[in-house]
Amino acid sequence: MKILIINGPNLNLLGVREPGIYGSETFADYFEKLKETYHSVELHYYQSNIEGEIIDQLHKHGFDFDGIIINAGAYTHTSVAIRDAISGINTPVVEVHISNILTRESFRHESIIGPSCVGSIMGFGLKSYDLGIESYLK
């Protein structure tokens, strides 16, 4: 099984950005733990602050991977283009968020990409990614 994790804007700052919301662990460190925990899964990771690069990854891997987990960051609430890219591929996509976007500022309450995903997981910290992976293993 091949799963791609895509992180969007500002998630490269995990570990230093607002630790009260996002924790103090870098995603690079957490990704190593994911690879150890899910050693039977071929995990790939991509992060970009650029909307078009995220879309390019969806197009590139959206027909040959078993699953994609996306934390689109702020693009969750603004990117019709990422939503359209998710709708245009065959690989099922799970939306994840570290924080519970429904308990944050009102402009974060709506996910534009969520309706194009097979499911959404939020509010479990970095464990949201584990739950995303688990969703493909059932």
N, C-alpha and C. Protein backbone atom coordinates (compact mmCIF):
# COMPACT_ATOMS: atom_id res chain seq x y z
N MET A 1 0.85 -1.18 0.00
CA MET A 1 0.00 0.00 0.00
C MET A 1 0.89 1.25 0.00
N LYS A 2 0.53 2.19 -0.88
CA LYS A 2 1.27 3.45 -0.98
C LYS A 2 0.36 4.61 -0.61
N ILE A 3 0.82 5.40 0.37
CA ILE A 3 0.05 6.56 0.83
C ILE A 3 0.95 7.78 0.79
N LEU A 4 0.43 8.85 0.23
CA LEU A 4 1.11 10.14 0.19
C LEU A 4 0.47 11.07 1.19
N ILE A 5 1.29 11.72 2.01
CA ILE A 5 0.84 12.78 2.90
C ILE A 5 1.28 14.10 2.30
N ILE A 6 0.32 15.00 2.13
CA ILE A 6 0.60 16.34 1.61
C ILE A 6 0.26 17.35 2.69
N ASN A 7 1.22 18.18 3.03
CA ASN A 7 0.98 19.29 3.95
C ASN A 7 1.09 20.60 3.19
N GLY A 8 0.18 21.50 3.48
CA GLY A 8 0.14 22.79 2.82
C GLY A 8 0.87 23.89 3.57
N PRO A 9 0.45 25.13 3.31
CA PRO A 9 1.19 26.30 3.77
C PRO A 9 1.36 26.37 5.29
N ASN A 10 2.54 26.78 5.66
CA ASN A 10 2.97 27.03 7.03
C ASN A 10 3.16 25.78 7.88
N LEU A 11 2.84 24.61 7.34
CA LEU A 11 3.03 23.39 8.11
C LEU A 11 4.50 22.98 8.15
N ASN A 12 5.32 23.63 7.34
CA ASN A 12 6.77 23.44 7.47
C ASN A 12 7.28 24.05 8.78
N LEU A 13 6.48 24.86 9.43
CA LEU A 13 6.87 25.50 10.69
C LEU A 13 6.41 24.73 11.93
N LEU A 14 5.86 23.52 11.72
CA LEU A 14 5.45 22.73 12.89
C LEU A 14 6.66 22.52 13.81
N GLY A 15 6.40 22.62 15.09
CA GLY A 15 7.47 22.52 16.07
C GLY A 15 7.88 23.87 16.61
N VAL A 16 7.68 24.91 15.81
CA VAL A 16 7.99 26.27 16.27
C VAL A 16 6.79 27.20 16.14
N ARG A 17 5.86 26.90 15.28
CA ARG A 17 4.70 27.75 15.04
C ARG A 17 3.59 27.45 16.06
N GLU A 18 3.20 28.42 16.80
CA GLU A 18 2.07 28.32 17.73
C GLU A 18 1.99 26.95 18.42
N PRO A 19 2.98 26.63 19.25
CA PRO A 19 3.00 25.30 19.87
C PRO A 19 1.77 25.00 20.73
N GLY A 20 1.09 26.02 21.21
CA GLY A 20 -0.13 25.79 21.98
C GLY A 20 -1.24 25.18 21.14
N ILE A 21 -1.19 25.41 19.84
CA ILE A 21 -2.19 24.85 18.92
C ILE A 21 -1.64 23.61 18.22
N TYR A 22 -0.40 23.70 17.76
CA TYR A 22 0.15 22.67 16.87
C TYR A 22 1.18 21.75 17.53
N GLY A 23 1.54 22.00 18.78
CA GLY A 23 2.52 21.17 19.46
C GLY A 23 3.95 21.60 19.17
N SER A 24 4.89 20.90 19.76
CA SER A 24 6.29 21.30 19.65
C SER A 24 7.14 20.33 18.83
N GLU A 25 6.49 19.34 18.22
CA GLU A 25 7.22 18.36 17.41
C GLU A 25 7.22 18.77 15.94
N THR A 26 8.36 18.62 15.29
CA THR A 26 8.42 18.91 13.85
C THR A 26 7.71 17.78 13.10
N PHE A 27 7.23 18.09 11.90
CA PHE A 27 6.60 17.03 11.13
C PHE A 27 7.63 16.02 10.65
N ALA A 28 8.83 16.46 10.38
CA ALA A 28 9.89 15.53 9.96
C ALA A 28 10.10 14.45 11.02
N ASP A 29 10.16 14.86 12.28
CA ASP A 29 10.31 13.89 13.37
C ASP A 29 9.09 12.98 13.47
N TYR A 30 7.91 13.57 13.34
CA TYR A 30 6.70 12.78 13.43
C TYR A 30 6.59 11.80 12.26
N PHE A 31 6.99 12.22 11.09
CA PHE A 31 6.93 11.35 9.92
C PHE A 31 7.81 10.11 10.12
N GLU A 32 8.95 10.29 10.77
CA GLU A 32 9.80 9.12 11.07
C GLU A 32 9.06 8.15 11.97
N LYS A 33 8.32 8.65 12.95
CA LYS A 33 7.53 7.78 13.83
C LYS A 33 6.43 7.07 13.04
N LEU A 34 5.79 7.80 12.11
CA LEU A 34 4.77 7.17 11.28
C LEU A 34 5.36 6.02 10.48
N LYS A 35 6.54 6.22 9.91
CA LYS A 35 7.17 5.17 9.11
C LYS A 35 7.51 3.95 9.97
N GLU A 36 7.90 4.17 11.23
CA GLU A 36 8.18 3.06 12.13
C GLU A 36 6.89 2.32 12.50
N THR A 37 5.85 3.08 12.80
CA THR A 37 4.58 2.48 13.21
C THR A 37 3.92 1.73 12.07
N TYR A 38 3.96 2.30 10.89
CA TYR A 38 3.29 1.72 9.72
C TYR A 38 4.33 1.21 8.73
N HIS A 39 5.24 0.36 9.22
CA HIS A 39 6.36 -0.11 8.40
C HIS A 39 5.90 -0.93 7.19
N SER A 40 4.68 -1.46 7.22
CA SER A 40 4.20 -2.23 6.07
C SER A 40 3.58 -1.33 4.99
N VAL A 41 3.47 -0.04 5.28
CA VAL A 41 2.90 0.92 4.33
C VAL A 41 4.04 1.74 3.73
N GLU A 42 4.01 1.92 2.44
CA GLU A 42 4.99 2.78 1.78
C GLU A 42 4.50 4.22 1.88
N LEU A 43 5.06 4.95 2.85
CA LEU A 43 4.63 6.33 3.10
C LEU A 43 5.52 7.31 2.36
N HIS A 44 4.90 8.30 1.76
CA HIS A 44 5.61 9.39 1.08
C HIS A 44 5.10 10.70 1.67
N TYR A 45 5.96 11.72 1.63
CA TYR A 45 5.59 13.00 2.23
C TYR A 45 5.99 14.15 1.31
N TYR A 46 5.10 15.13 1.24
CA TYR A 46 5.36 16.33 0.46
C TYR A 46 4.76 17.52 1.18
N GLN A 47 5.50 18.62 1.23
CA GLN A 47 5.01 19.87 1.82
C GLN A 47 5.32 21.01 0.88
N SER A 48 4.34 21.91 0.73
CA SER A 48 4.57 23.12 -0.05
C SER A 48 3.69 24.24 0.47
N ASN A 49 4.22 25.44 0.36
CA ASN A 49 3.45 26.65 0.66
C ASN A 49 2.76 27.19 -0.59
N ILE A 50 2.92 26.49 -1.70
CA ILE A 50 2.46 26.99 -3.00
C ILE A 50 1.31 26.11 -3.51
N GLU A 51 0.17 26.74 -3.73
CA GLU A 51 -1.05 26.03 -4.13
C GLU A 51 -0.83 25.18 -5.38
N GLY A 52 -0.21 25.72 -6.41
CA GLY A 52 -0.01 24.99 -7.65
C GLY A 52 0.85 23.76 -7.48
N GLU A 53 1.83 23.81 -6.60
CA GLU A 53 2.67 22.64 -6.36
C GLU A 53 1.89 21.52 -5.67
N ILE A 54 0.97 21.89 -4.79
CA ILE A 54 0.11 20.89 -4.14
C ILE A 54 -0.78 20.23 -5.20
N ILE A 55 -1.33 21.03 -6.08
CA ILE A 55 -2.16 20.51 -7.17
C ILE A 55 -1.35 19.58 -8.05
N ASP A 56 -0.11 19.96 -8.37
CA ASP A 56 0.75 19.11 -9.18
C ASP A 56 0.98 17.75 -8.53
N GLN A 57 1.15 17.72 -7.21
CA GLN A 57 1.34 16.44 -6.51
C GLN A 57 0.08 15.59 -6.56
N LEU A 58 -1.08 16.22 -6.40
CA LEU A 58 -2.34 15.49 -6.51
C LEU A 58 -2.48 14.88 -7.90
N HIS A 59 -2.16 15.66 -8.94
CA HIS A 59 -2.24 15.14 -10.31
C HIS A 59 -1.23 14.02 -10.54
N LYS A 60 -0.03 14.21 -10.02
CA LYS A 60 1.05 13.25 -10.26
C LYS A 60 0.77 11.89 -9.61
N HIS A 61 0.23 11.90 -8.39
CA HIS A 61 0.07 10.65 -7.63
C HIS A 61 -1.38 10.20 -7.48
N GLY A 62 -2.31 10.97 -8.01
CA GLY A 62 -3.72 10.69 -7.81
C GLY A 62 -4.30 9.56 -8.63
N PHE A 63 -3.44 8.85 -9.34
CA PHE A 63 -3.93 7.73 -10.15
C PHE A 63 -3.17 6.44 -9.86
N ASP A 64 -2.09 6.53 -9.06
CA ASP A 64 -1.30 5.32 -8.82
C ASP A 64 -1.02 5.04 -7.35
N PHE A 65 -1.45 5.92 -6.43
CA PHE A 65 -1.30 5.65 -5.00
C PHE A 65 -2.60 5.08 -4.46
N ASP A 66 -2.53 4.39 -3.33
CA ASP A 66 -3.72 3.82 -2.71
C ASP A 66 -4.49 4.84 -1.89
N GLY A 67 -3.79 5.86 -1.42
CA GLY A 67 -4.45 6.89 -0.63
C GLY A 67 -3.60 8.14 -0.55
N ILE A 68 -4.28 9.25 -0.34
CA ILE A 68 -3.63 10.53 -0.10
C ILE A 68 -4.25 11.14 1.14
N ILE A 69 -3.41 11.61 2.03
CA ILE A 69 -3.83 12.35 3.21
C ILE A 69 -3.39 13.78 3.00
N ILE A 70 -4.32 14.73 3.11
CA ILE A 70 -3.97 16.12 2.88
C ILE A 70 -4.36 17.00 4.06
N ASN A 71 -3.41 17.77 4.51
CA ASN A 71 -3.67 18.88 5.41
C ASN A 71 -3.35 20.12 4.59
N ALA A 72 -4.36 20.70 4.01
CA ALA A 72 -4.16 21.81 3.09
C ALA A 72 -3.93 23.14 3.80
N GLY A 73 -3.85 23.11 5.14
CA GLY A 73 -3.63 24.35 5.87
C GLY A 73 -4.70 25.36 5.51
N ALA A 74 -4.31 26.61 5.36
CA ALA A 74 -5.26 27.68 5.05
C ALA A 74 -5.95 27.49 3.71
N TYR A 75 -5.34 26.73 2.80
CA TYR A 75 -6.00 26.46 1.52
C TYR A 75 -7.29 25.66 1.70
N THR A 76 -7.44 25.01 2.84
CA THR A 76 -8.67 24.28 3.17
C THR A 76 -9.89 25.17 2.98
N HIS A 77 -9.73 26.43 3.34
CA HIS A 77 -10.86 27.36 3.40
C HIS A 77 -10.97 28.25 2.17
N THR A 78 -10.01 28.14 1.24
CA THR A 78 -9.97 29.10 0.14
C THR A 78 -9.76 28.50 -1.25
N SER A 79 -9.30 27.26 -1.34
CA SER A 79 -8.84 26.77 -2.64
C SER A 79 -9.85 25.89 -3.37
N VAL A 80 -10.56 26.51 -4.28
CA VAL A 80 -11.42 25.77 -5.20
C VAL A 80 -10.53 24.91 -6.11
N ALA A 81 -9.34 25.39 -6.43
CA ALA A 81 -8.44 24.67 -7.34
C ALA A 81 -7.98 23.34 -6.71
N ILE A 82 -7.66 23.33 -5.42
CA ILE A 82 -7.29 22.06 -4.77
C ILE A 82 -8.50 21.15 -4.69
N ARG A 83 -9.66 21.69 -4.39
CA ARG A 83 -10.89 20.88 -4.38
C ARG A 83 -11.10 20.23 -5.75
N ASP A 84 -10.95 21.00 -6.82
CA ASP A 84 -11.14 20.46 -8.17
C ASP A 84 -10.10 19.39 -8.49
N ALA A 85 -8.87 19.58 -8.02
CA ALA A 85 -7.83 18.57 -8.25
C ALA A 85 -8.18 17.27 -7.54
N ILE A 86 -8.68 17.37 -6.31
CA ILE A 86 -9.09 16.17 -5.57
C ILE A 86 -10.24 15.47 -6.30
N SER A 87 -11.18 16.25 -6.79
CA SER A 87 -12.33 15.68 -7.51
C SER A 87 -11.91 15.02 -8.82
N GLY A 88 -10.80 15.47 -9.39
CA GLY A 88 -10.38 14.98 -10.69
C GLY A 88 -9.50 13.75 -10.68
N ILE A 89 -9.14 13.26 -9.50
CA ILE A 89 -8.26 12.09 -9.42
C ILE A 89 -9.02 10.86 -8.95
N ASN A 90 -8.41 9.69 -9.11
CA ASN A 90 -9.04 8.44 -8.68
C ASN A 90 -8.70 8.04 -7.26
N THR A 91 -7.53 8.42 -6.79
CA THR A 91 -7.08 8.03 -5.45
C THR A 91 -7.94 8.70 -4.39
N PRO A 92 -8.46 7.94 -3.43
CA PRO A 92 -9.25 8.55 -2.36
C PRO A 92 -8.38 9.45 -1.48
N VAL A 93 -8.94 10.59 -1.09
CA VAL A 93 -8.22 11.59 -0.30
C VAL A 93 -8.93 11.77 1.04
N VAL A 94 -8.14 11.74 2.12
CA VAL A 94 -8.63 12.03 3.46
C VAL A 94 -8.07 13.37 3.89
N GLU A 95 -8.95 14.25 4.33
CA GLU A 95 -8.56 15.57 4.85
C GLU A 95 -8.23 15.43 6.33
N VAL A 96 -7.10 15.98 6.75
CA VAL A 96 -6.75 15.98 8.18
C VAL A 96 -6.39 17.40 8.62
N HIS A 97 -6.62 17.63 9.91
CA HIS A 97 -6.21 18.88 10.55
C HIS A 97 -5.72 18.54 11.95
N ILE A 98 -4.67 19.19 12.34
CA ILE A 98 -4.09 18.99 13.67
C ILE A 98 -5.03 19.53 14.73
N SER A 99 -5.55 20.75 14.50
CA SER A 99 -6.48 21.35 15.43
C SER A 99 -7.91 21.06 14.97
N ASN A 100 -8.86 21.33 15.84
CA ASN A 100 -10.26 21.21 15.47
C ASN A 100 -10.67 22.54 14.85
N ILE A 101 -10.79 22.57 13.53
CA ILE A 101 -11.06 23.83 12.84
C ILE A 101 -12.43 24.40 13.22
N LEU A 102 -13.32 23.58 13.75
CA LEU A 102 -14.64 24.06 14.13
C LEU A 102 -14.64 24.84 15.44
N THR A 103 -13.55 24.76 16.19
CA THR A 103 -13.46 25.49 17.46
C THR A 103 -12.55 26.71 17.35
N ARG A 104 -12.10 26.99 16.16
CA ARG A 104 -11.20 28.12 15.94
C ARG A 104 -11.96 29.31 15.37
N GLU A 105 -11.27 30.24 14.76
CA GLU A 105 -11.92 31.43 14.22
C GLU A 105 -12.99 31.02 13.21
N SER A 106 -14.03 31.82 13.10
CA SER A 106 -15.18 31.45 12.26
C SER A 106 -14.79 31.26 10.80
N PHE A 107 -13.78 32.00 10.31
CA PHE A 107 -13.39 31.83 8.91
C PHE A 107 -12.75 30.47 8.64
N ARG A 108 -12.40 29.73 9.70
CA ARG A 108 -11.81 28.39 9.53
C ARG A 108 -12.87 27.29 9.61
N HIS A 109 -14.10 27.62 9.87
CA HIS A 109 -15.13 26.60 10.09
C HIS A 109 -15.54 25.86 8.83
N GLU A 110 -15.40 26.46 7.67
CA GLU A 110 -15.82 25.81 6.44
C GLU A 110 -14.60 25.25 5.69
N SER A 111 -14.71 24.01 5.31
CA SER A 111 -13.69 23.38 4.46
C SER A 111 -14.23 23.30 3.05
N ILE A 112 -13.55 23.98 2.14
CA ILE A 112 -13.93 23.90 0.73
C ILE A 112 -13.56 22.53 0.15
N ILE A 113 -12.44 21.95 0.61
CA ILE A 113 -11.97 20.68 0.05
C ILE A 113 -12.69 19.47 0.64
N GLY A 114 -13.23 19.59 1.84
CA GLY A 114 -13.84 18.47 2.53
C GLY A 114 -14.86 17.68 1.73
N PRO A 115 -15.79 18.35 1.03
CA PRO A 115 -16.79 17.60 0.27
C PRO A 115 -16.20 16.74 -0.86
N SER A 116 -14.97 17.02 -1.27
CA SER A 116 -14.33 16.21 -2.32
C SER A 116 -13.51 15.07 -1.75
N CYS A 117 -13.41 15.02 -0.43
CA CYS A 117 -12.63 13.98 0.25
C CYS A 117 -13.55 12.86 0.73
N VAL A 118 -12.96 11.68 0.96
CA VAL A 118 -13.76 10.56 1.47
C VAL A 118 -14.06 10.71 2.95
N GLY A 119 -13.30 11.56 3.64
CA GLY A 119 -13.53 11.80 5.06
C GLY A 119 -12.63 12.90 5.56
N SER A 120 -12.97 13.38 6.76
CA SER A 120 -12.20 14.45 7.40
C SER A 120 -11.92 14.07 8.84
N ILE A 121 -10.69 14.31 9.26
CA ILE A 121 -10.26 14.02 10.63
C ILE A 121 -9.64 15.29 11.18
N MET A 122 -10.07 15.71 12.37
CA MET A 122 -9.51 16.94 12.93
C MET A 122 -9.52 16.91 14.44
N GLY A 123 -8.57 17.66 15.01
CA GLY A 123 -8.59 17.89 16.44
C GLY A 123 -7.82 16.91 17.29
N PHE A 124 -7.11 15.98 16.70
CA PHE A 124 -6.39 14.98 17.47
C PHE A 124 -4.88 15.21 17.45
N GLY A 125 -4.48 16.44 17.20
CA GLY A 125 -3.06 16.75 17.11
C GLY A 125 -2.45 16.00 15.94
N LEU A 126 -1.17 15.69 16.06
CA LEU A 126 -0.50 14.95 14.98
C LEU A 126 -1.08 13.55 14.82
N LYS A 127 -1.75 13.03 15.83
CA LYS A 127 -2.39 11.71 15.73
C LYS A 127 -3.46 11.70 14.65
N SER A 128 -3.91 12.88 14.20
CA SER A 128 -4.87 12.93 13.09
C SER A 128 -4.31 12.22 11.86
N TYR A 129 -2.98 12.32 11.67
CA TYR A 129 -2.35 11.64 10.53
C TYR A 129 -2.41 10.12 10.70
N ASP A 130 -2.19 9.64 11.93
CA ASP A 130 -2.31 8.19 12.20
C ASP A 130 -3.72 7.72 11.84
N LEU A 131 -4.71 8.49 12.27
CA LEU A 131 -6.09 8.11 11.99
C LEU A 131 -6.37 8.12 10.49
N GLY A 132 -5.76 9.05 9.78
CA GLY A 132 -5.89 9.07 8.32
C GLY A 132 -5.32 7.80 7.70
N ILE A 133 -4.15 7.39 8.15
CA ILE A 133 -3.54 6.16 7.65
C ILE A 133 -4.42 4.97 8.00
N GLU A 134 -4.88 4.91 9.25
CA GLU A 134 -5.72 3.80 9.70
C GLU A 134 -6.98 3.68 8.83
N SER A 135 -7.49 4.79 8.35
CA SER A 135 -8.71 4.74 7.54
C SER A 135 -8.52 3.94 6.27
N TYR A 136 -7.30 3.87 5.78
CA TYR A 136 -7.00 3.10 4.56
C TYR A 136 -6.71 1.63 4.86
N LEU A 137 -6.47 1.29 6.12
CA LEU A 137 -6.05 -0.06 6.47
C LEU A 137 -7.20 -0.97 6.86
N LYS A 138 -8.41 -0.45 6.90
CA LYS A 138 -9.55 -1.29 7.32
C LYS A 138 -10.03 -2.19 6.23
